[in-house]
Amino acid sequence: MKLSLITITAAMLLPFFSTAQSNYKPGYVVDLKGDTLKGNIDYREWEKNPRQISFKNNAGTIAIYTPQNSKAFAVNGLEYYEQHAVKISLDKIDPTIAGGVVDTSYRIDTVFLKAITLGRYLSLYRYDDDIKPRFYALSHGDAVATELSFHIYVDANSVVHDVNGYRLQLKSIAQKNNVSNDKLAGLLSQSKYKEQDLLRIAAAINGSDPAQFVNKSQFGTRVFAGVGINYNDMAFNGIIFFPGNYTFSPKVAGGIDLLTNKNTQQLFMRLEISLTEDQHNFNDTYQQSQLKVTQYTASFVPQVYYNIYNGQKLKIFAGGGIALNFSTYPNRYYQSVGGNNAVLITQPNYPDYHTLWESFIIKAGVVLDKKVEIYLGYSPASAVTDNYAFFEGNVTSYQAGVNFLFGAK
């Protein structure tokens, strides 16, 4: 009942979180007249090129700008987009669904292209949508940006072939601007259809252009450390039966967050290492048996989290991952009454427990002022005993804690 109530409440609040948040950063918009409008832009973690942006002028008035009513926009020091009418290829570059011939289908659209480098001879742009990433080149003197061509096809023998048309296109731009050398030839011949490779080629073509702009990478990292408490329930079922035995145990943790965009910090992967200690003492007076175990655990926990509310002072996140747990059991035994004389039998170092075991974790919480994280977590039942035929032991865990976040770089 409690889980259902939480789920329903989250579903009701999610649309509010999605629409209420804003992340206005200083920037500007260039309108169709060529006038520059200064103010603030609602900066999002744009995994796909935005179809529109929200702009707030210095008077506080909010307006929506699209490629149809603006020429460009920029978030100061972070990202710059230009309006371009371009051909957009429609083929997918997934070998599992590629056909036996090159698909050259395309559509024409006016979109915001993200500038990744602007130079005197060559400017490069990027366009991402649900189909694939694409790169565009605008050579000095040209009026229209051209998609750098890259296709794949699979032949009758199931061999995947790359059609690297972009190499010839970039070579032609270099020749047009009288740029030709062994370094550039090497870069062209070895390049992949990736942003970093294309940036190196553009830098070789543009040379030592002091006005050259290169978009800064938005990827970042931050470290964290914290303390918490685990509420662990260990239970045994089968010929060894003990109902759940709850214990509170301290937890220390630390690690690193990998941020897809260090400025918005909305989506991130977390690599965490934690240490815990648990002590369980089971007693069954009816069956006259006892089981005791002390468990020390070091865990490596890769996780993925998303801020469903991503304000400047407050963030609300949810996500989860899988924990790889390495445990030792320095103090464990099982006692029971057996035999005709009802003798108390002690079995030291019994039962055997997993020294390496896995568990899932789901977690939600808040981040205050990008510095303090408060969270709640839950790990469903995970087996901790070896593969006995007639009984098993499981651990279910609830967690709460505080992490301190140290800068995004």
Protein backbone atom coordinates (compact mmCIF):
# COMPACT_ATOMS: atom_id res chain seq x y z
CA MET A 1 0.00 0.00 0.00
CA LYS A 2 2.80 2.43 0.88
CA LEU A 3 4.66 1.68 -2.35
CA SER A 4 1.49 2.20 -4.41
CA LEU A 5 0.84 5.52 -2.68
CA ILE A 6 4.39 6.68 -3.40
CA THR A 7 4.11 5.64 -7.04
CA ILE A 8 0.79 7.43 -7.52
CA THR A 9 2.07 10.58 -5.81
CA ALA A 10 5.23 10.63 -7.94
CA ALA A 11 3.18 10.19 -11.12
CA MET A 12 0.97 13.13 -10.15
CA LEU A 13 3.90 15.39 -9.30
CA LEU A 14 6.17 14.50 -12.24
CA PRO A 15 4.38 16.78 -14.78
CA PHE A 16 4.69 19.64 -12.29
CA PHE A 17 8.40 19.05 -11.83
CA SER A 18 8.91 18.80 -15.58
CA THR A 19 7.21 22.11 -16.34
CA ALA A 20 7.95 24.16 -13.24
CA GLN A 21 11.72 24.00 -13.39
CA SER A 22 13.79 26.57 -15.20
CA ASN A 23 17.48 27.22 -15.57
CA TYR A 24 17.94 30.71 -16.97
CA LYS A 25 21.48 31.64 -17.92
CA PRO A 26 22.79 34.90 -19.43
CA GLY A 27 22.66 34.83 -23.21
CA TYR A 28 21.26 36.51 -26.28
CA VAL A 29 19.05 35.97 -29.32
CA VAL A 30 19.63 37.36 -32.82
CA ASP A 31 16.24 38.12 -34.39
CA LEU A 32 15.38 38.01 -38.09
CA LYS A 33 16.33 41.69 -38.49
CA GLY A 34 19.82 40.93 -37.21
CA ASP A 35 19.28 42.74 -33.90
CA THR A 36 20.90 41.20 -30.82
CA LEU A 37 18.55 40.85 -27.85
CA LYS A 38 20.33 40.43 -24.55
CA GLY A 39 18.79 38.66 -21.59
CA ASN A 40 18.59 35.13 -20.22
CA ILE A 41 17.92 31.77 -21.90
CA ASP A 42 16.37 28.75 -20.23
CA TYR A 43 19.37 26.45 -20.63
CA ARG A 44 18.55 22.76 -20.82
CA GLU A 45 20.55 19.59 -21.25
CA TRP A 46 19.82 19.41 -24.98
CA GLU A 47 20.51 15.85 -26.07
CA LYS A 48 18.76 16.80 -29.33
CA ASN A 49 18.97 20.17 -31.04
CA PRO A 50 16.19 22.33 -29.58
CA ARG A 51 13.21 23.22 -31.73
CA GLN A 52 12.55 26.26 -29.56
CA ILE A 53 14.04 28.12 -26.61
CA SER A 54 12.60 30.31 -23.86
CA PHE A 55 14.12 33.80 -23.67
CA LYS A 56 13.63 36.28 -20.82
CA ASN A 57 14.60 39.88 -21.55
CA ASN A 58 15.98 42.29 -18.96
CA ALA A 59 12.45 43.49 -18.18
CA GLY A 60 11.41 39.95 -17.24
CA THR A 61 9.21 39.33 -20.29
CA ILE A 62 9.42 35.76 -21.62
CA ALA A 63 9.25 34.96 -25.34
CA ILE A 64 9.66 31.76 -27.35
CA TYR A 65 12.15 31.74 -30.22
CA THR A 66 12.38 29.14 -32.98
CA PRO A 67 14.34 28.82 -36.23
CA GLN A 68 11.40 30.54 -37.90
CA ASN A 69 11.68 33.79 -35.92
CA SER A 70 15.39 34.03 -35.05
CA LYS A 71 18.80 33.68 -36.69
CA ALA A 72 20.84 32.51 -33.73
CA PHE A 73 21.04 32.26 -29.97
CA ALA A 74 23.78 31.71 -27.42
CA VAL A 75 24.12 30.82 -23.78
CA ASN A 76 27.13 32.94 -22.81
CA GLY A 77 30.31 30.91 -22.56
CA LEU A 78 28.48 27.62 -23.00
CA GLU A 79 26.72 26.97 -26.33
CA TYR A 80 25.95 28.77 -29.59
CA TYR A 81 23.31 27.81 -32.18
CA GLU A 82 22.62 29.22 -35.65
CA GLN A 83 19.55 28.94 -37.84
CA HIS A 84 20.17 27.10 -41.10
CA ALA A 85 17.98 25.66 -43.86
CA VAL A 86 19.63 22.32 -44.61
CA LYS A 87 19.20 18.86 -46.05
CA ILE A 88 18.89 16.27 -43.26
CA SER A 89 19.71 12.65 -44.12
CA LEU A 90 17.21 10.05 -42.92
CA ASP A 91 19.16 6.79 -43.03
CA LYS A 92 20.15 5.11 -39.80
CA ILE A 93 23.70 4.01 -39.09
CA ASP A 94 22.82 0.92 -37.07
CA PRO A 95 24.36 -2.20 -38.71
CA THR A 96 21.54 -4.39 -37.38
CA ILE A 97 18.95 -2.62 -39.53
CA ALA A 98 21.06 -1.26 -42.41
CA GLY A 99 20.11 -2.34 -45.91
CA GLY A 100 22.17 -3.73 -48.75
CA VAL A 101 22.43 -0.38 -50.55
CA VAL A 102 23.21 3.15 -49.46
CA ASP A 103 20.08 5.04 -48.40
CA THR A 104 20.39 8.66 -49.57
CA SER A 105 16.91 9.82 -48.56
CA TYR A 106 16.65 13.22 -46.88
CA ARG A 107 14.32 16.01 -45.87
CA ILE A 108 14.77 19.77 -45.96
CA ASP A 109 14.16 21.75 -42.80
CA THR A 110 15.11 24.98 -41.08
CA VAL A 111 16.70 24.12 -37.76
CA PHE A 112 19.09 25.32 -35.09
CA LEU A 113 22.55 23.87 -35.74
CA LYS A 114 24.97 23.75 -32.81
CA ALA A 115 28.29 25.41 -33.65
CA ILE A 116 31.24 23.25 -32.63
CA THR A 117 33.93 25.34 -34.35
CA LEU A 118 33.90 28.59 -36.33
CA GLY A 119 36.99 29.41 -38.39
CA ARG A 120 38.17 31.55 -41.30
CA TYR A 121 38.01 28.71 -43.84
CA LEU A 122 35.72 26.14 -42.28
CA SER A 123 32.96 26.13 -39.68
CA LEU A 124 31.48 22.92 -38.32
CA TYR A 125 28.04 22.35 -36.85
CA ARG A 126 26.19 19.46 -35.26
CA TYR A 127 22.60 18.29 -35.48
CA ASP A 128 21.19 15.50 -33.27
CA ASP A 129 17.71 14.01 -33.41
CA ASP A 130 16.09 10.64 -32.72
CA ILE A 131 17.75 9.10 -35.79
CA LYS A 132 21.45 9.89 -35.42
CA PRO A 133 24.08 12.64 -35.00
CA ARG A 134 25.07 14.59 -38.14
CA PHE A 135 27.81 17.10 -38.85
CA TYR A 136 27.61 20.07 -41.20
CA ALA A 137 30.33 22.09 -42.90
CA LEU A 138 30.14 25.72 -43.98
CA SER A 139 33.08 26.73 -46.13
CA HIS A 140 34.21 30.33 -46.44
CA GLY A 141 32.22 32.02 -49.19
CA ASP A 142 29.38 29.47 -49.17
CA ALA A 143 25.84 30.47 -48.21
CA VAL A 144 24.50 27.04 -47.25
CA ALA A 145 25.81 24.54 -44.70
CA THR A 146 26.25 21.06 -46.18
CA GLU A 147 25.83 17.82 -44.29
CA LEU A 148 29.05 15.85 -44.12
CA SER A 149 28.11 12.55 -45.70
CA PHE A 150 28.41 9.25 -43.82
CA HIS A 151 26.42 6.10 -44.62
CA ILE A 152 26.68 2.37 -44.06
CA TYR A 153 25.39 -0.70 -45.84
CA VAL A 154 25.62 -4.45 -45.31
CA ASP A 155 26.60 -6.66 -48.25
CA ALA A 156 25.36 -10.16 -49.09
CA ASN A 157 28.04 -11.67 -46.84
CA SER A 158 26.84 -9.63 -43.84
CA VAL A 159 29.93 -7.42 -43.95
CA VAL A 160 29.33 -3.82 -42.82
CA HIS A 161 30.75 -1.14 -45.14
CA ASP A 162 31.30 2.52 -44.23
CA VAL A 163 30.80 5.10 -46.95
CA ASN A 164 33.00 7.98 -45.76
CA GLY A 165 31.95 10.73 -48.15
CA TYR A 166 32.82 13.39 -45.57
CA ARG A 167 36.54 12.77 -46.15
CA LEU A 168 36.30 13.85 -49.80
CA GLN A 169 34.11 16.81 -48.85
CA LEU A 170 36.64 18.09 -46.31
CA LYS A 171 39.53 17.44 -48.70
CA SER A 172 37.73 19.55 -51.32
CA ILE A 173 37.28 22.41 -48.82
CA ALA A 174 40.99 22.25 -47.96
CA GLN A 175 41.99 22.37 -51.64
CA LYS A 176 39.59 25.23 -52.28
CA ASN A 177 41.41 27.25 -49.61
CA ASN A 178 44.89 26.14 -50.74
CA VAL A 179 45.49 24.08 -47.63
CA SER A 180 47.32 20.84 -48.25
CA ASN A 181 49.95 19.05 -46.17
CA ASP A 182 50.91 15.59 -44.94
CA LYS A 183 49.37 16.15 -41.50
CA LEU A 184 45.97 16.99 -42.98
CA ALA A 185 46.17 14.03 -45.37
CA GLY A 186 46.87 11.71 -42.44
CA LEU A 187 44.01 13.11 -40.41
CA LEU A 188 41.59 12.69 -43.31
CA SER A 189 42.59 9.11 -44.04
CA GLN A 190 42.34 7.94 -40.42
CA SER A 191 39.35 9.97 -39.26
CA LYS A 192 36.09 8.58 -37.94
CA TYR A 193 32.73 10.30 -38.18
CA LYS A 194 33.16 11.69 -34.68
CA GLU A 195 33.24 15.22 -33.32
CA GLN A 196 36.80 15.11 -32.01
CA ASP A 197 38.21 13.75 -35.28
CA LEU A 198 36.37 16.38 -37.32
CA LEU A 199 37.54 19.14 -34.98
CA ARG A 200 41.16 18.13 -35.54
CA ILE A 201 40.65 18.28 -39.30
CA ALA A 202 38.97 21.69 -39.04
CA ALA A 203 41.86 23.00 -36.92
CA ALA A 204 44.35 21.78 -39.54
CA ILE A 205 42.41 23.53 -42.32
CA ASN A 206 41.88 26.78 -40.40
CA GLY A 207 45.47 26.90 -39.22
CA SER A 208 46.48 29.41 -36.57
CA ASP A 209 43.35 31.50 -36.97
CA PRO A 210 43.25 33.63 -33.78
CA ALA A 211 39.49 34.20 -34.20
CA GLN A 212 38.70 30.50 -34.35
CA PHE A 213 35.98 29.48 -31.91
CA VAL A 214 35.73 25.92 -30.59
CA ASN A 215 32.74 24.88 -28.54
CA LYS A 216 33.80 23.77 -25.07
CA SER A 217 32.99 20.27 -23.94
CA GLN A 218 30.08 20.17 -21.51
CA PHE A 219 31.17 16.87 -19.96
CA GLY A 220 32.27 17.19 -16.36
CA THR A 221 32.97 15.39 -13.12
CA ARG A 222 32.44 16.01 -9.43
CA VAL A 223 33.42 14.05 -6.36
CA PHE A 224 31.34 13.30 -3.30
CA ALA A 225 31.69 11.84 0.19
CA GLY A 226 29.10 11.13 2.81
CA VAL A 227 27.71 9.12 5.68
CA GLY A 228 24.48 7.26 6.14
CA ILE A 229 22.64 4.49 7.91
CA ASN A 230 21.41 1.12 6.64
CA TYR A 231 18.34 -0.64 7.97
CA ASN A 232 19.04 -4.25 7.00
CA ASP A 233 16.70 -7.21 7.24
CA MET A 234 18.35 -10.63 7.04
CA ALA A 235 16.03 -13.66 6.90
CA PHE A 236 16.41 -17.44 6.45
CA ASN A 237 13.95 -19.86 4.91
CA GLY A 238 13.98 -23.66 4.67
CA ILE A 239 15.32 -26.19 7.16
CA ILE A 240 17.08 -23.27 8.84
CA PHE A 241 14.26 -20.81 9.44
CA PHE A 242 14.50 -17.47 11.14
CA PRO A 243 12.16 -14.56 10.52
CA GLY A 244 13.61 -11.20 9.59
CA ASN A 245 16.18 -9.76 11.94
CA TYR A 246 16.53 -6.00 11.58
CA THR A 247 19.67 -4.11 12.42
CA PHE A 248 20.88 -0.55 11.96
CA SER A 249 24.42 -0.10 10.69
CA PRO A 250 26.55 2.92 9.75
CA LYS A 251 27.67 3.53 6.19
CA VAL A 252 30.47 5.64 4.73
CA ALA A 253 30.64 6.30 1.00
CA GLY A 254 32.47 8.30 -1.63
CA GLY A 255 33.08 8.40 -5.33
CA ILE A 256 32.77 10.36 -8.52
CA ASP A 257 29.87 11.58 -10.67
CA LEU A 258 30.21 11.71 -14.46
CA LEU A 259 28.08 14.62 -15.70
CA THR A 260 26.84 14.67 -19.29
CA ASN A 261 26.55 18.45 -18.89
CA LYS A 262 28.41 20.00 -15.98
CA ASN A 263 26.41 23.22 -16.25
CA THR A 264 22.93 21.73 -15.94
CA GLN A 265 23.94 18.56 -14.01
CA GLN A 266 20.60 16.97 -14.93
CA LEU A 267 21.77 13.50 -15.98
CA PHE A 268 24.77 11.80 -14.40
CA MET A 269 26.39 8.43 -13.83
CA ARG A 270 27.69 7.75 -10.34
CA LEU A 271 30.58 5.44 -9.42
CA GLU A 272 30.36 4.86 -5.68
CA ILE A 273 32.38 2.90 -3.14
CA SER A 274 30.82 2.26 0.28
CA LEU A 275 31.68 0.43 3.50
CA THR A 276 29.18 -1.09 5.97
CA GLU A 277 29.11 -3.39 8.99
CA ASP A 278 26.13 -5.57 10.00
CA GLN A 279 25.60 -7.82 13.01
CA HIS A 280 22.67 -10.23 13.21
CA ASN A 281 21.76 -12.49 16.13
CA PHE A 282 18.89 -14.94 15.52
CA ASN A 283 17.26 -16.95 18.33
CA ASP A 284 14.46 -19.52 18.12
CA THR A 285 13.50 -20.69 21.64
CA TYR A 286 10.93 -23.13 20.30
CA GLN A 287 13.41 -25.03 18.15
CA GLN A 288 16.25 -24.18 20.54
CA SER A 289 18.52 -22.82 17.81
CA GLN A 290 20.65 -19.76 17.35
CA LEU A 291 22.50 -18.18 14.43
CA LYS A 292 24.93 -15.33 14.66
CA VAL A 293 26.76 -13.51 11.90
CA THR A 294 28.90 -10.38 11.59
CA GLN A 295 29.23 -9.06 8.04
CA TYR A 296 31.67 -6.44 6.73
CA THR A 297 30.94 -5.29 3.19
CA ALA A 298 32.73 -3.11 0.66
CA SER A 299 30.56 -2.25 -2.34
CA PHE A 300 31.22 -0.86 -5.78
CA VAL A 301 27.99 0.69 -7.04
CA PRO A 302 27.62 2.08 -10.60
CA GLN A 303 24.36 4.06 -10.83
CA VAL A 304 22.49 6.40 -13.19
CA TYR A 305 20.42 9.35 -11.94
CA TYR A 306 18.20 12.00 -13.47
CA ASN A 307 17.01 15.25 -11.91
CA ILE A 308 13.24 15.27 -12.41
CA TYR A 309 13.31 18.79 -10.97
CA ASN A 310 16.45 20.72 -11.87
CA GLY A 311 16.37 24.17 -10.28
CA GLN A 312 19.39 26.23 -9.35
CA LYS A 313 18.95 25.90 -5.58
CA LEU A 314 16.97 22.67 -5.46
CA LYS A 315 17.22 19.46 -7.47
CA ILE A 316 15.06 16.36 -7.04
CA PHE A 317 16.57 13.17 -8.43
CA ALA A 318 15.74 9.50 -8.87
CA GLY A 319 17.54 6.53 -10.32
CA GLY A 320 19.35 3.38 -9.40
CA GLY A 321 21.99 0.83 -10.22
CA ILE A 322 23.58 -2.44 -9.21
CA ALA A 323 25.94 -3.04 -6.31
CA LEU A 324 28.85 -5.47 -6.48
CA ASN A 325 29.36 -6.44 -2.84
CA PHE A 326 32.53 -7.93 -1.36
CA SER A 327 31.84 -9.33 2.13
CA THR A 328 33.78 -11.01 4.91
CA TYR A 329 32.20 -12.83 7.90
CA PRO A 330 34.72 -12.92 10.77
CA ASN A 331 32.22 -14.14 13.39
CA ARG A 332 29.55 -16.64 12.40
CA TYR A 333 28.10 -19.87 13.83
CA TYR A 334 24.92 -21.92 14.06
CA GLN A 335 23.71 -23.73 17.21
CA SER A 336 20.94 -26.26 17.50
CA VAL A 337 19.80 -29.05 19.81
CA GLY A 338 20.20 -32.50 18.27
CA GLY A 339 20.68 -36.16 18.96
CA ASN A 340 18.87 -38.45 21.41
CA ASN A 341 20.37 -36.65 24.36
CA ALA A 342 19.30 -33.22 23.09
CA VAL A 343 22.89 -32.01 23.08
CA LEU A 344 23.60 -28.43 22.03
CA ILE A 345 25.62 -28.64 18.81
CA THR A 346 27.65 -25.67 17.64
CA GLN A 347 28.73 -25.42 14.02
CA PRO A 348 31.38 -22.70 13.69
CA ASN A 349 31.80 -20.83 10.42
CA TYR A 350 28.39 -22.06 9.29
CA PRO A 351 26.60 -21.51 7.03
CA ASP A 352 28.76 -20.40 4.12
CA TYR A 353 27.95 -16.91 2.87
CA HIS A 354 28.69 -15.30 -0.45
CA THR A 355 31.88 -13.30 -0.40
CA LEU A 356 30.88 -11.76 -3.75
CA TRP A 357 27.20 -11.03 -4.35
CA GLU A 358 25.03 -8.54 -6.21
CA SER A 359 22.10 -6.37 -5.22
CA PHE A 360 19.98 -3.75 -6.93
CA ILE A 361 19.35 -0.29 -5.54
CA ILE A 362 16.81 2.40 -6.29
CA LYS A 363 17.32 5.81 -4.80
CA ALA A 364 15.67 9.23 -4.67
CA GLY A 365 16.53 12.46 -2.94
CA VAL A 366 17.24 16.16 -3.11
CA VAL A 367 20.30 18.31 -3.73
CA LEU A 368 20.46 21.65 -1.95
CA ASP A 369 22.44 24.50 -3.52
CA LYS A 370 24.50 21.96 -5.57
CA LYS A 371 26.42 21.07 -2.40
CA VAL A 372 24.39 18.84 -0.07
CA GLU A 373 22.57 15.69 -1.14
CA ILE A 374 19.98 13.96 1.07
CA TYR A 375 18.70 10.59 -0.13
CA LEU A 376 16.59 7.52 0.62
CA GLY A 377 17.35 4.13 -0.94
CA TYR A 378 15.94 0.63 -1.19
CA SER A 379 17.51 -2.69 -2.16
CA PRO A 380 15.17 -5.68 -2.62
CA ALA A 381 15.98 -9.11 -1.22
CA SER A 382 19.33 -10.49 -2.39
CA ALA A 383 20.76 -13.93 -1.62
CA VAL A 384 23.80 -13.99 0.69
CA THR A 385 24.15 -17.74 1.35
CA ASP A 386 25.74 -20.30 -0.93
CA ASN A 387 23.61 -22.66 -2.96
CA TYR A 388 22.22 -24.93 -0.28
CA ALA A 389 19.44 -27.24 -1.43
CA PHE A 390 17.23 -26.86 1.65
CA PHE A 391 17.56 -23.28 2.85
CA GLU A 392 18.64 -19.80 1.83
CA GLY A 393 19.43 -16.46 3.43
CA ASN A 394 18.48 -13.07 2.00
CA VAL A 395 19.11 -9.44 2.86
CA THR A 396 16.71 -6.56 2.20
CA SER A 397 18.05 -3.07 2.80
CA TYR A 398 16.70 0.44 3.36
CA GLN A 399 19.11 3.38 3.35
CA ALA A 400 19.24 7.05 4.24
CA GLY A 401 22.17 9.39 4.13
CA VAL A 402 23.83 12.69 3.36
CA ASN A 403 26.49 13.29 0.71
CA PHE A 404 28.60 16.40 0.26
CA LEU A 405 29.29 17.35 -3.37
CA PHE A 406 32.52 19.02 -4.40
CA GLY A 407 32.46 21.13 -7.55
CA ALA A 408 31.78 20.21 -11.16
CA LYS A 409 34.83 20.43 -13.43
